[in-house]
Amino acid sequence: MHPVELARLLQNLIRLGTVAEVDHADVCVRVQCGELLTDWVP
């Protein structure tokens, strides 16, 4: 694997974000990471 590709994969392995939405009924959250808003995460 090319070192640049490996570095990119490692940077995307863990992201810091802020909880943007909470679904208490389904016990899920959506996380905002910069401009990226995740799908519902259990």
C-alpha atoms as a PDB file:
ATOM      1  CA  MET A   1       0.000   0.000   0.000  1.00  0.00           C
ATOM      2  CA  HIS A   2       1.268   3.481  -0.856  1.00  0.00           C
ATOM      3  CA  PRO A   3       2.259   5.511   2.250  1.00  0.00           C
ATOM      4  CA  VAL A   4       0.009   8.429   1.253  1.00  0.00           C
ATOM      5  CA  GLU A   5      -3.009   6.117   0.976  1.00  0.00           C
ATOM      6  CA  LEU A   6      -2.177   4.548   4.333  1.00  0.00           C
ATOM      7  CA  ALA A   7      -1.939   7.996   5.954  1.00  0.00           C
ATOM      8  CA  ARG A   8      -5.343   8.962   4.502  1.00  0.00           C
ATOM      9  CA  LEU A   9      -6.949   5.775   5.825  1.00  0.00           C
ATOM     10  CA  LEU A  10      -5.499   6.318   9.294  1.00  0.00           C
ATOM     11  CA  GLN A  11      -6.731   9.927   9.381  1.00  0.00           C
ATOM     12  CA  ASN A  12     -10.263   8.738   8.584  1.00  0.00           C
ATOM     13  CA  LEU A  13     -10.193   5.930  11.157  1.00  0.00           C
ATOM     14  CA  ILE A  14     -11.150   8.171  14.080  1.00  0.00           C
ATOM     15  CA  ARG A  15     -12.961  11.485  13.796  1.00  0.00           C
ATOM     16  CA  LEU A  16     -13.918  13.933  16.499  1.00  0.00           C
ATOM     17  CA  GLY A  17     -17.400  15.364  16.241  1.00  0.00           C
ATOM     18  CA  THR A  18     -20.384  16.804  18.038  1.00  0.00           C
ATOM     19  CA  VAL A  19     -23.689  15.057  18.629  1.00  0.00           C
ATOM     20  CA  ALA A  20     -26.086  16.896  16.310  1.00  0.00           C
ATOM     21  CA  GLU A  21     -29.302  14.926  16.846  1.00  0.00           C
ATOM     22  CA  VAL A  22     -30.554  12.317  19.325  1.00  0.00           C
ATOM     23  CA  ASP A  23     -33.312   9.769  18.712  1.00  0.00           C
ATOM     24  CA  HIS A  24     -34.239   8.570  22.198  1.00  0.00           C
ATOM     25  CA  ALA A  25     -36.854   6.095  20.930  1.00  0.00           C
ATOM     26  CA  ASP A  26     -34.397   4.204  18.691  1.00  0.00           C
ATOM     27  CA  VAL A  27     -31.355   5.012  20.882  1.00  0.00           C
ATOM     28  CA  CYS A  28     -29.363   6.538  18.001  1.00  0.00           C
ATOM     29  CA  VAL A  29     -27.419   9.729  17.361  1.00  0.00           C
ATOM     30  CA  ARG A  30     -26.198  11.708  14.361  1.00  0.00           C
ATOM     31  CA  VAL A  31     -22.732  13.228  14.627  1.00  0.00           C
ATOM     32  CA  GLN A  32     -21.486  16.427  12.970  1.00  0.00           C
ATOM     33  CA  CYS A  33     -17.805  16.279  11.893  1.00  0.00           C
ATOM     34  CA  GLY A  34     -17.070  19.601  10.226  1.00  0.00           C
ATOM     35  CA  GLU A  35     -19.464  19.749   7.275  1.00  0.00           C
ATOM     36  CA  LEU A  36     -20.106  15.989   7.399  1.00  0.00           C
ATOM     37  CA  LEU A  37     -23.293  14.828   9.155  1.00  0.00           C
ATOM     38  CA  THR A  38     -23.312  11.071   9.758  1.00  0.00           C
ATOM     39  CA  ASP A  39     -26.253   8.755   9.294  1.00  0.00           C
ATOM     40  CA  TRP A  40     -27.957   7.461  12.450  1.00  0.00           C
ATOM     41  CA  VAL A  41     -25.437   5.610  14.639  1.00  0.00           C
ATOM     42  CA  PRO A  42     -26.574   3.239  17.399  1.00  0.00           C
END
